[in-house]
C-alpha atoms as a PDB file:
ATOM      1  CA  MET A   1     -18.269 -28.025   8.405  1.00  0.00           C
ATOM      2  CA  ASN A   2     -14.998 -26.312   8.810  1.00  0.00           C
ATOM      3  CA  GLU A   3     -13.915 -27.266   5.333  1.00  0.00           C
ATOM      4  CA  PHE A   4     -17.238 -25.925   3.879  1.00  0.00           C
ATOM      5  CA  TYR A   5     -16.724 -22.566   5.421  1.00  0.00           C
ATOM      6  CA  THR A   6     -13.106 -22.434   4.280  1.00  0.00           C
ATOM      7  CA  ILE A   7     -14.173 -23.131   0.750  1.00  0.00           C
ATOM      8  CA  LEU A   8     -17.030 -20.546   0.893  1.00  0.00           C
ATOM      9  CA  THR A   9     -14.687 -18.064   2.380  1.00  0.00           C
ATOM     10  CA  GLY A  10     -12.326 -18.438  -0.614  1.00  0.00           C
ATOM     11  CA  SER A  11     -15.069 -18.458  -3.135  1.00  0.00           C
ATOM     12  CA  LEU A  12     -16.577 -15.223  -1.814  1.00  0.00           C
ATOM     13  CA  VAL A  13     -13.234 -13.463  -2.003  1.00  0.00           C
ATOM     14  CA  ALA A  14     -12.554 -15.132  -5.398  1.00  0.00           C
ATOM     15  CA  ILE A  15     -15.808 -13.793  -6.946  1.00  0.00           C
ATOM     16  CA  SER A  16     -15.458 -10.313  -5.523  1.00  0.00           C
ATOM     17  CA  CYS A  17     -11.798 -10.000  -6.611  1.00  0.00           C
ATOM     18  CA  SER A  18     -12.248 -11.579  -9.884  1.00  0.00           C
ATOM     19  CA  LEU A  19     -15.162  -9.325 -10.917  1.00  0.00           C
ATOM     20  CA  LEU A  20     -13.264  -6.193 -10.014  1.00  0.00           C
ATOM     21  CA  GLY A  21      -9.964  -7.546 -11.366  1.00  0.00           C
ATOM     22  CA  SER A  22     -11.493  -7.992 -14.929  1.00  0.00           C
ATOM     23  CA  PHE A  23     -11.742  -4.258 -14.978  1.00  0.00           C
ATOM     24  CA  LEU A  24      -8.250  -3.760 -13.774  1.00  0.00           C
ATOM     25  CA  ILE A  25      -6.800  -6.143 -16.353  1.00  0.00           C
ATOM     26  CA  LEU A  26      -8.646  -4.244 -19.082  1.00  0.00           C
ATOM     27  CA  ARG A  27      -7.451  -0.956 -17.696  1.00  0.00           C
ATOM     28  CA  LYS A  28      -3.753  -2.231 -17.547  1.00  0.00           C
ATOM     29  CA  MET A  29      -3.794  -1.719 -13.724  1.00  0.00           C
ATOM     30  CA  ALA A  30      -3.641  -5.198 -12.517  1.00  0.00           C
ATOM     31  CA  MET A  31      -0.986  -4.688  -9.876  1.00  0.00           C
ATOM     32  CA  VAL A  32      -3.029  -1.979  -8.018  1.00  0.00           C
ATOM     33  CA  GLY A  33      -4.595  -4.703  -5.702  1.00  0.00           C
ATOM     34  CA  ASP A  34      -0.926  -5.552  -4.735  1.00  0.00           C
ATOM     35  CA  ALA A  35      -0.208  -1.939  -4.127  1.00  0.00           C
ATOM     36  CA  ILE A  36      -3.265  -1.398  -1.988  1.00  0.00           C
ATOM     37  CA  SER A  37      -2.723  -4.639   0.128  1.00  0.00           C
ATOM     38  CA  HIS A  38       0.639  -3.287   1.244  1.00  0.00           C
ATOM     39  CA  ALA A  39      -0.099   0.355   1.214  1.00  0.00           C
ATOM     40  CA  VAL A  40      -2.778   0.188   3.727  1.00  0.00           C
ATOM     41  CA  LEU A  41      -0.559  -0.958   6.496  1.00  0.00           C
ATOM     42  CA  PRO A  42       0.144   2.613   7.851  1.00  0.00           C
ATOM     43  CA  GLY A  43      -3.615   3.163   8.049  1.00  0.00           C
ATOM     44  CA  ILE A  44      -4.177   0.144  10.180  1.00  0.00           C
ATOM     45  CA  VAL A  45      -1.415   1.212  12.447  1.00  0.00           C
ATOM     46  CA  ILE A  46      -2.580   4.792  12.883  1.00  0.00           C
ATOM     47  CA  ALA A  47      -6.134   3.489  13.510  1.00  0.00           C
ATOM     48  CA  TYR A  48      -4.754   1.203  16.274  1.00  0.00           C
ATOM     49  CA  LEU A  49      -2.742   4.033  17.834  1.00  0.00           C
ATOM     50  CA  LEU A  50      -5.591   6.634  17.801  1.00  0.00           C
ATOM     51  CA  GLY A  51      -8.264   4.256  19.104  1.00  0.00           C
ATOM     52  CA  GLU A  52      -5.948   1.850  21.074  1.00  0.00           C
ATOM     53  CA  THR A  53      -8.234  -0.995  20.053  1.00  0.00           C
ATOM     54  CA  ARG A  54      -8.108  -3.934  17.560  1.00  0.00           C
ATOM     55  CA  GLU A  55     -11.810  -3.900  16.631  1.00  0.00           C
ATOM     56  CA  MET A  56     -12.366  -4.260  12.979  1.00  0.00           C
ATOM     57  CA  ILE A  57     -14.299  -1.047  12.196  1.00  0.00           C
ATOM     58  CA  PRO A  58     -11.561   1.368  13.232  1.00  0.00           C
ATOM     59  CA  MET A  59      -8.950  -0.913  11.382  1.00  0.00           C
ATOM     60  CA  LEU A  60     -11.244  -0.951   8.426  1.00  0.00           C
ATOM     61  CA  ILE A  61     -11.733   2.828   8.302  1.00  0.00           C
ATOM     62  CA  GLY A  62      -7.834   3.417   8.534  1.00  0.00           C
ATOM     63  CA  ALA A  63      -7.085   0.863   5.942  1.00  0.00           C
ATOM     64  CA  ALA A  64      -9.804   1.957   3.415  1.00  0.00           C
ATOM     65  CA  ALA A  65      -8.737   5.684   3.935  1.00  0.00           C
ATOM     66  CA  PHE A  66      -5.158   4.672   2.930  1.00  0.00           C
ATOM     67  CA  GLY A  67      -6.402   2.395   0.120  1.00  0.00           C
ATOM     68  CA  VAL A  68      -8.163   5.263  -1.521  1.00  0.00           C
ATOM     69  CA  LEU A  69      -5.029   7.594  -0.810  1.00  0.00           C
ATOM     70  CA  THR A  70      -2.914   4.930  -2.661  1.00  0.00           C
ATOM     71  CA  THR A  71      -5.229   5.112  -5.694  1.00  0.00           C
ATOM     72  CA  VAL A  72      -5.167   9.018  -5.696  1.00  0.00           C
ATOM     73  CA  LEU A  73      -1.438   9.093  -5.425  1.00  0.00           C
ATOM     74  CA  ILE A  74      -1.018   6.664  -8.217  1.00  0.00           C
ATOM     75  CA  GLU A  75      -3.206   8.614 -10.461  1.00  0.00           C
ATOM     76  CA  LEU A  76      -1.564  11.843  -9.491  1.00  0.00           C
ATOM     77  CA  PHE A  77       2.015  10.648 -10.304  1.00  0.00           C
ATOM     78  CA  HIS A  78       0.732   9.123 -13.536  1.00  0.00           C
ATOM     79  CA  LYS A  79      -1.161  12.207 -14.748  1.00  0.00           C
ATOM     80  CA  LYS A  80       0.868  15.107 -13.210  1.00  0.00           C
ATOM     81  CA  ALA A  81       4.348  13.638 -13.239  1.00  0.00           C
ATOM     82  CA  ARG A  82       3.690  11.712 -16.510  1.00  0.00           C
ATOM     83  CA  LEU A  83       5.146   8.567 -15.016  1.00  0.00           C
ATOM     84  CA  GLN A  84       4.350   5.122 -16.289  1.00  0.00           C
ATOM     85  CA  THR A  85       1.471   3.407 -14.337  1.00  0.00           C
ATOM     86  CA  ASP A  86       3.737   0.662 -13.121  1.00  0.00           C
ATOM     87  CA  ALA A  87       6.414   3.186 -11.881  1.00  0.00           C
ATOM     88  CA  SER A  88       3.564   5.215  -9.970  1.00  0.00           C
ATOM     89  CA  ILE A  89       2.307   1.984  -8.477  1.00  0.00           C
ATOM     90  CA  GLY A  90       5.816   0.960  -7.431  1.00  0.00           C
ATOM     91  CA  ILE A  91       6.651   4.359  -5.908  1.00  0.00           C
ATOM     92  CA  THR A  92       3.362   4.758  -4.007  1.00  0.00           C
ATOM     93  CA  PHE A  93       3.095   1.277  -2.349  1.00  0.00           C
ATOM     94  CA  THR A  94       6.813   1.068  -1.351  1.00  0.00           C
ATOM     95  CA  PHE A  95       6.586   4.544   0.240  1.00  0.00           C
ATOM     96  CA  LEU A  96       3.384   3.862   2.184  1.00  0.00           C
ATOM     97  CA  PHE A  97       4.327   0.257   3.155  1.00  0.00           C
ATOM     98  CA  ALA A  98       7.714   1.571   4.550  1.00  0.00           C
ATOM     99  CA  LEU A  99       5.875   4.279   6.366  1.00  0.00           C
ATOM    100  CA  GLY A 100       3.827   1.423   8.060  1.00  0.00           C
ATOM    101  CA  ILE A 101       6.879  -0.507   8.957  1.00  0.00           C
ATOM    102  CA  ILE A 102       8.548   2.579  10.495  1.00  0.00           C
ATOM    103  CA  LEU A 103       5.351   3.168  12.642  1.00  0.00           C
ATOM    104  CA  ILE A 104       5.346  -0.501  13.732  1.00  0.00           C
ATOM    105  CA  SER A 105       9.038  -0.428  14.610  1.00  0.00           C
ATOM    106  CA  ALA A 106       8.721   2.825  16.381  1.00  0.00           C
ATOM    107  CA  PHE A 107       5.668   1.652  18.533  1.00  0.00           C
ATOM    108  CA  ALA A 108       5.984  -2.061  18.618  1.00  0.00           C
ATOM    109  CA  GLY A 109       7.351  -1.919  22.248  1.00  0.00           C
ATOM    110  CA  GLN A 110       4.459   0.202  23.330  1.00  0.00           C
ATOM    111  CA  VAL A 111       1.364  -1.383  21.791  1.00  0.00           C
ATOM    112  CA  ASP A 112       0.122  -4.840  21.019  1.00  0.00           C
ATOM    113  CA  LEU A 113       0.331  -4.900  17.253  1.00  0.00           C
ATOM    114  CA  ASP A 114       1.539  -7.868  15.298  1.00  0.00           C
ATOM    115  CA  GLN A 115       2.640  -6.970  11.672  1.00  0.00           C
ATOM    116  CA  ASP A 116       2.236 -10.602  10.582  1.00  0.00           C
ATOM    117  CA  CYS A 117      -1.350 -10.553  11.701  1.00  0.00           C
ATOM    118  CA  VAL A 118      -1.903  -7.248   9.958  1.00  0.00           C
ATOM    119  CA  LEU A 119      -0.362  -8.314   6.731  1.00  0.00           C
ATOM    120  CA  TYR A 120      -1.355 -11.992   6.518  1.00  0.00           C
ATOM    121  CA  GLY A 121      -4.602 -13.786   7.299  1.00  0.00           C
ATOM    122  CA  ASP A 122      -5.118 -17.475   7.832  1.00  0.00           C
ATOM    123  CA  ILE A 123      -8.017 -18.820   5.954  1.00  0.00           C
ATOM    124  CA  ALA A 124      -8.033 -21.895   7.942  1.00  0.00           C
ATOM    125  CA  MET A 125      -8.814 -20.014  11.115  1.00  0.00           C
ATOM    126  CA  VAL A 126     -11.993 -18.456   9.664  1.00  0.00           C
ATOM    127  CA  PRO A 127     -14.452 -21.060  10.958  1.00  0.00           C
ATOM    128  CA  LEU A 128     -13.110 -20.495  14.503  1.00  0.00           C
ATOM    129  CA  ASP A 129     -14.032 -16.743  14.424  1.00  0.00           C
ATOM    130  CA  LEU A 130     -17.722 -17.019  15.270  1.00  0.00           C
ATOM    131  CA  TRP A 131     -20.407 -14.471  15.329  1.00  0.00           C
ATOM    132  CA  ILE A 132     -22.500 -15.067  18.473  1.00  0.00           C
ATOM    133  CA  THR A 133     -25.339 -12.826  19.303  1.00  0.00           C
ATOM    134  CA  ASP A 134     -26.010 -11.449  22.709  1.00  0.00           C
ATOM    135  CA  ALA A 135     -28.792 -14.088  23.000  1.00  0.00           C
ATOM    136  CA  GLY A 136     -26.334 -16.928  22.302  1.00  0.00           C
ATOM    137  CA  LEU A 137     -27.218 -17.486  18.778  1.00  0.00           C
ATOM    138  CA  ASN A 138     -24.407 -18.948  16.676  1.00  0.00           C
ATOM    139  CA  LEU A 139     -24.505 -17.283  13.157  1.00  0.00           C
ATOM    140  CA  GLY A 140     -21.400 -18.848  11.806  1.00  0.00           C
ATOM    141  CA  PRO A 141     -17.949 -17.292  11.013  1.00  0.00           C
ATOM    142  CA  ARG A 142     -18.003 -13.650  11.164  1.00  0.00           C
ATOM    143  CA  GLN A 143     -15.790 -13.207   8.153  1.00  0.00           C
ATOM    144  CA  VAL A 144     -18.207 -15.111   5.930  1.00  0.00           C
ATOM    145  CA  TRP A 145     -20.961 -12.541   6.807  1.00  0.00           C
ATOM    146  CA  ILE A 146     -18.449  -9.657   6.139  1.00  0.00           C
ATOM    147  CA  LEU A 147     -17.277 -11.081   2.836  1.00  0.00           C
ATOM    148  CA  GLY A 148     -20.827 -11.833   1.709  1.00  0.00           C
ATOM    149  CA  VAL A 149     -21.913  -8.239   2.375  1.00  0.00           C
ATOM    150  CA  ASN A 150     -18.796  -7.094   0.395  1.00  0.00           C
ATOM    151  CA  LEU A 151     -19.745  -9.339  -2.507  1.00  0.00           C
ATOM    152  CA  LEU A 152     -23.262  -7.751  -2.644  1.00  0.00           C
ATOM    153  CA  VAL A 153     -21.648  -4.240  -2.700  1.00  0.00           C
ATOM    154  CA  VAL A 154     -19.346  -5.293  -5.550  1.00  0.00           C
ATOM    155  CA  LEU A 155     -22.364  -6.856  -7.534  1.00  0.00           C
ATOM    156  CA  ALA A 156     -24.532  -3.795  -6.839  1.00  0.00           C
ATOM    157  CA  PHE A 157     -21.611  -1.479  -8.029  1.00  0.00           C
ATOM    158  CA  ILE A 158     -20.976  -3.455 -11.331  1.00  0.00           C
ATOM    159  CA  LEU A 159     -24.700  -3.883 -12.113  1.00  0.00           C
ATOM    160  CA  ILE A 160     -25.542  -0.183 -11.407  1.00  0.00           C
ATOM    161  CA  GLY A 161     -22.312   1.307 -12.999  1.00  0.00           C
ATOM    162  CA  TYR A 162     -21.833  -1.227 -15.813  1.00  0.00           C
ATOM    163  CA  LYS A 163     -22.425   1.307 -18.629  1.00  0.00           C
ATOM    164  CA  GLY A 164     -19.961   3.834 -17.124  1.00  0.00           C
ATOM    165  CA  LEU A 165     -17.381   1.256 -16.361  1.00  0.00           C
ATOM    166  CA  PHE A 166     -17.664  -0.306 -19.793  1.00  0.00           C
ATOM    167  CA  ILE A 167     -17.416   3.128 -21.734  1.00  0.00           C
ATOM    168  CA  THR A 168     -14.598   4.516 -19.617  1.00  0.00           C
ATOM    169  CA  THR A 169     -12.678   1.211 -19.858  1.00  0.00           C
ATOM    170  CA  PHE A 170     -12.730   0.847 -23.542  1.00  0.00           C
ATOM    171  CA  HIS A 171     -13.533   4.393 -24.781  1.00  0.00           C
ATOM    172  CA  GLU A 172     -12.272   7.016 -22.386  1.00  0.00           C
ATOM    173  CA  GLU A 173     -12.051   9.725 -24.946  1.00  0.00           C
ATOM    174  CA  TYR A 174     -15.627   8.983 -26.117  1.00  0.00           C
ATOM    175  CA  ALA A 175     -16.833   9.006 -22.669  1.00  0.00           C
ATOM    176  CA  ALA A 176     -15.569  12.627 -22.187  1.00  0.00           C
ATOM    177  CA  THR A 177     -17.358  13.780 -25.234  1.00  0.00           C
ATOM    178  CA  VAL A 178     -20.677  12.327 -24.175  1.00  0.00           C
ATOM    179  CA  GLY A 179     -20.411  13.705 -20.654  1.00  0.00           C
ATOM    180  CA  ILE A 180     -19.607  10.682 -18.779  1.00  0.00           C
ATOM    181  CA  ALA A 181     -17.080  11.480 -15.918  1.00  0.00           C
ATOM    182  CA  ALA A 182     -14.208   9.082 -16.445  1.00  0.00           C
ATOM    183  CA  GLY A 183     -12.655  10.242 -13.210  1.00  0.00           C
ATOM    184  CA  PHE A 184     -15.684   9.392 -11.154  1.00  0.00           C
ATOM    185  CA  TRP A 185     -15.699   5.905 -12.509  1.00  0.00           C
ATOM    186  CA  HIS A 186     -12.070   5.315 -12.071  1.00  0.00           C
ATOM    187  CA  TYR A 187     -12.053   6.497  -8.394  1.00  0.00           C
ATOM    188  CA  SER A 188     -15.269   4.552  -7.802  1.00  0.00           C
ATOM    189  CA  LEU A 189     -13.658   1.389  -9.100  1.00  0.00           C
ATOM    190  CA  MET A 190     -10.486   1.971  -7.193  1.00  0.00           C
ATOM    191  CA  SER A 191     -12.459   2.638  -3.954  1.00  0.00           C
ATOM    192  CA  THR A 192     -14.272  -0.638  -4.454  1.00  0.00           C
ATOM    193  CA  VAL A 193     -11.005  -2.458  -4.965  1.00  0.00           C
ATOM    194  CA  SER A 194      -9.747  -0.836  -1.863  1.00  0.00           C
ATOM    195  CA  LEU A 195     -12.719  -1.972   0.140  1.00  0.00           C
ATOM    196  CA  THR A 196     -12.610  -5.511  -1.185  1.00  0.00           C
ATOM    197  CA  THR A 197      -8.848  -5.823  -0.763  1.00  0.00           C
ATOM    198  CA  VAL A 198      -8.920  -4.488   2.972  1.00  0.00           C
ATOM    199  CA  VAL A 199     -12.019  -6.753   3.839  1.00  0.00           C
ATOM    200  CA  SER A 200     -10.476  -9.775   2.139  1.00  0.00           C
ATOM    201  CA  PHE A 201      -6.810  -9.985   3.300  1.00  0.00           C
ATOM    202  CA  GLU A 202      -7.606 -10.216   7.042  1.00  0.00           C
ATOM    203  CA  SER A 203      -8.995 -13.665   6.344  1.00  0.00           C
ATOM    204  CA  VAL A 204      -7.188 -15.004   3.251  1.00  0.00           C
ATOM    205  CA  GLY A 205      -3.872 -13.060   3.166  1.00  0.00           C
ATOM    206  CA  ALA A 206      -2.537 -10.440   0.734  1.00  0.00           C
ATOM    207  CA  ILE A 207      -1.019 -13.143  -1.722  1.00  0.00           C
ATOM    208  CA  LEU A 208      -4.268 -14.826  -2.323  1.00  0.00           C
ATOM    209  CA  VAL A 209      -6.113 -11.471  -2.669  1.00  0.00           C
ATOM    210  CA  VAL A 210      -3.737 -10.311  -5.376  1.00  0.00           C
ATOM    211  CA  ALA A 211      -3.843 -13.656  -7.025  1.00  0.00           C
ATOM    212  CA  PHE A 212      -7.682 -13.613  -7.278  1.00  0.00           C
ATOM    213  CA  LEU A 213      -7.506 -10.055  -8.471  1.00  0.00           C
ATOM    214  CA  VAL A 214      -5.222 -10.858 -11.484  1.00  0.00           C
ATOM    215  CA  VAL A 215      -5.135 -14.686 -12.424  1.00  0.00           C
ATOM    216  CA  PRO A 216      -8.793 -15.599 -12.950  1.00  0.00           C
ATOM    217  CA  PRO A 217      -9.551 -12.504 -14.886  1.00  0.00           C
ATOM    218  CA  ALA A 218      -6.308 -13.032 -16.901  1.00  0.00           C
ATOM    219  CA  THR A 219      -7.282 -16.557 -17.615  1.00  0.00           C
ATOM    220  CA  ALA A 220     -10.827 -15.459 -18.704  1.00  0.00           C
ATOM    221  CA  TYR A 221      -9.237 -12.708 -20.897  1.00  0.00           C
ATOM    222  CA  LEU A 222      -7.569 -15.481 -23.033  1.00  0.00           C
ATOM    223  CA  LEU A 223     -11.006 -17.128 -23.665  1.00  0.00           C
ATOM    224  CA  THR A 224     -13.229 -14.382 -24.647  1.00  0.00           C
ATOM    225  CA  GLU A 225     -13.418 -10.738 -26.160  1.00  0.00           C
ATOM    226  CA  LYS A 226     -16.920 -10.165 -24.508  1.00  0.00           C
ATOM    227  CA  LEU A 227     -16.904  -8.361 -21.111  1.00  0.00           C
ATOM    228  CA  PRO A 228     -19.852 -10.086 -19.693  1.00  0.00           C
ATOM    229  CA  VAL A 229     -18.543 -13.527 -20.625  1.00  0.00           C
ATOM    230  CA  MET A 230     -15.179 -12.526 -19.201  1.00  0.00           C
ATOM    231  CA  LEU A 231     -16.796 -11.414 -15.783  1.00  0.00           C
ATOM    232  CA  GLY A 232     -18.612 -14.699 -15.693  1.00  0.00           C
ATOM    233  CA  LEU A 233     -15.596 -17.023 -16.494  1.00  0.00           C
ATOM    234  CA  SER A 234     -13.408 -14.978 -14.098  1.00  0.00           C
ATOM    235  CA  ALA A 235     -15.713 -15.512 -11.099  1.00  0.00           C
ATOM    236  CA  LEU A 236     -16.150 -19.389 -12.133  1.00  0.00           C
ATOM    237  CA  PHE A 237     -12.297 -19.712 -12.471  1.00  0.00           C
ATOM    238  CA  GLY A 238     -11.972 -18.217  -9.053  1.00  0.00           C
ATOM    239  CA  VAL A 239     -14.483 -20.548  -7.242  1.00  0.00           C
ATOM    240  CA  ILE A 240     -12.834 -23.543  -9.044  1.00  0.00           C
ATOM    241  CA  SER A 241      -9.504 -22.304  -7.690  1.00  0.00           C
ATOM    242  CA  ALA A 242     -11.023 -22.017  -4.144  1.00  0.00           C
ATOM    243  CA  ILE A 243     -12.484 -25.622  -4.190  1.00  0.00           C
ATOM    244  CA  LEU A 244      -9.598 -27.464  -5.785  1.00  0.00           C
ATOM    245  CA  GLY A 245      -7.019 -25.440  -3.904  1.00  0.00           C
ATOM    246  CA  ASN A 246      -8.705 -26.493  -0.611  1.00  0.00           C
ATOM    247  CA  MET A 247      -8.621 -30.136  -1.897  1.00  0.00           C
ATOM    248  CA  LEU A 248      -4.951 -29.823  -2.771  1.00  0.00           C
ATOM    249  CA  ALA A 249      -3.925 -28.261   0.574  1.00  0.00           C
ATOM    250  CA  THR A 250      -5.815 -31.119   2.418  1.00  0.00           C
ATOM    251  CA  TRP A 251      -3.977 -33.708   0.410  1.00  0.00           C
ATOM    252  CA  LEU A 252      -0.531 -32.264   0.854  1.00  0.00           C
ATOM    253  CA  ASP A 253      -1.193 -30.980   4.379  1.00  0.00           C
ATOM    254  CA  GLY A 254       0.014 -27.498   3.300  1.00  0.00           C
ATOM    255  CA  SER A 255      -0.976 -23.863   3.130  1.00  0.00           C
ATOM    256  CA  ILE A 256      -4.549 -23.477   1.845  1.00  0.00           C
ATOM    257  CA  ALA A 257      -4.061 -19.886   0.484  1.00  0.00           C
ATOM    258  CA  GLY A 258      -0.850 -21.122  -1.348  1.00  0.00           C
ATOM    259  CA  ALA A 259      -2.657 -24.122  -2.886  1.00  0.00           C
ATOM    260  CA  MET A 260      -5.621 -21.973  -4.103  1.00  0.00           C
ATOM    261  CA  THR A 261      -3.084 -19.619  -5.792  1.00  0.00           C
ATOM    262  CA  ALA A 262      -1.242 -22.620  -7.226  1.00  0.00           C
ATOM    263  CA  VAL A 263      -4.503 -23.968  -8.765  1.00  0.00           C
ATOM    264  CA  ALA A 264      -5.360 -20.591 -10.122  1.00  0.00           C
ATOM    265  CA  GLY A 265      -1.868 -20.351 -11.713  1.00  0.00           C
ATOM    266  CA  GLY A 266      -2.313 -23.952 -13.113  1.00  0.00           C
ATOM    267  CA  LEU A 267      -5.745 -23.009 -14.720  1.00  0.00           C
ATOM    268  CA  PHE A 268      -3.951 -20.097 -16.416  1.00  0.00           C
ATOM    269  CA  LEU A 269      -1.268 -22.195 -17.678  1.00  0.00           C
ATOM    270  CA  LEU A 270      -3.577 -24.621 -19.209  1.00  0.00           C
ATOM    271  CA  THR A 271      -5.628 -21.917 -20.918  1.00  0.00           C
ATOM    272  CA  PHE A 272      -2.429 -20.310 -22.081  1.00  0.00           C
ATOM    273  CA  LEU A 273      -1.492 -23.406 -23.813  1.00  0.00           C
ATOM    274  CA  PHE A 274      -4.820 -24.757 -25.056  1.00  0.00           C
ATOM    275  CA  SER A 275      -7.106 -21.748 -25.481  1.00  0.00           C
ATOM    276  CA  PRO A 276      -8.927 -22.147 -28.822  1.00  0.00           C
ATOM    277  CA  LYS A 277      -7.894 -18.676 -30.078  1.00  0.00           C
ATOM    278  CA  GLN A 278      -4.967 -17.690 -28.215  1.00  0.00           C
ATOM    279  CA  GLY A 279      -3.414 -20.930 -27.001  1.00  0.00           C
ATOM    280  CA  ILE A 280       0.195 -21.346 -27.790  1.00  0.00           C
ATOM    281  CA  LEU A 281      -0.101 -25.015 -28.711  1.00  0.00           C
ATOM    282  CA  MET A 282      -3.429 -24.408 -30.628  1.00  0.00           C
ATOM    283  CA  ARG A 283      -1.640 -21.883 -32.674  1.00  0.00           C
ATOM    284  CA  LEU A 284       1.295 -24.135 -33.496  1.00  0.00           C
ATOM    285  CA  LYS A 285      -1.262 -26.978 -34.449  1.00  0.00           C
ATOM    286  CA  PHE A 286      -2.994 -24.892 -37.095  1.00  0.00           C
ATOM    287  CA  ARG A 287       0.060 -23.253 -38.665  1.00  0.00           C
END
């Protein structure tokens, strides 16, 4: 049963991240997830210092606030300072991450806060963190419920906002002419990415979150030019990575998150080589 919950946790994260990552890939902002996963550190520390508790809700509020701040600063530096997007991302997340490290260093002797626990989760421990009601009813792992609700939020956001996301992703200038607020959809997408990143990396770790945001959507991108198909394929590749990654980790007795990331990378490599339209070997074959 523990293995089932581990795969389920990985799959929930994979689907949520892959769906949002597809839009990030198309908007050429793939590394925003990496920036957010590091930049939320000061928000977590500040939430702890103010509330003196390690309960999830205060931590989530602090992290989400800094996640949104990260996206605002990236956009501000890009639009106002005319920096390239990658430079804006690099400046923002390194500054905020360093600020978090300083806060931990300054208060580590006074508070019970472990930066490794803050930054890196352990998916193998998810089945042990159970949600037990006051009546003694065992509802299963707490993180599975949280990630399940987050997935529903992501699905609702994409279904309701599909038209706005589609037009502002591919035709931002046209969106402005027909009265669609590109800024609203941009910050809505970034806020949803922030929420998903913060909720996910507690259980699976920052590396796996970033991998699921980028690798499955990039793999799907090589196979189709249609957004709905890309969304479906990216979610499918994410789930396959979670399942095969868990099997690989069991076989090697190694890191589950590392194995899932490696499988996702392997699927991308295979697609890169053998994709019918964009695969390197297929292009050489038909020359």
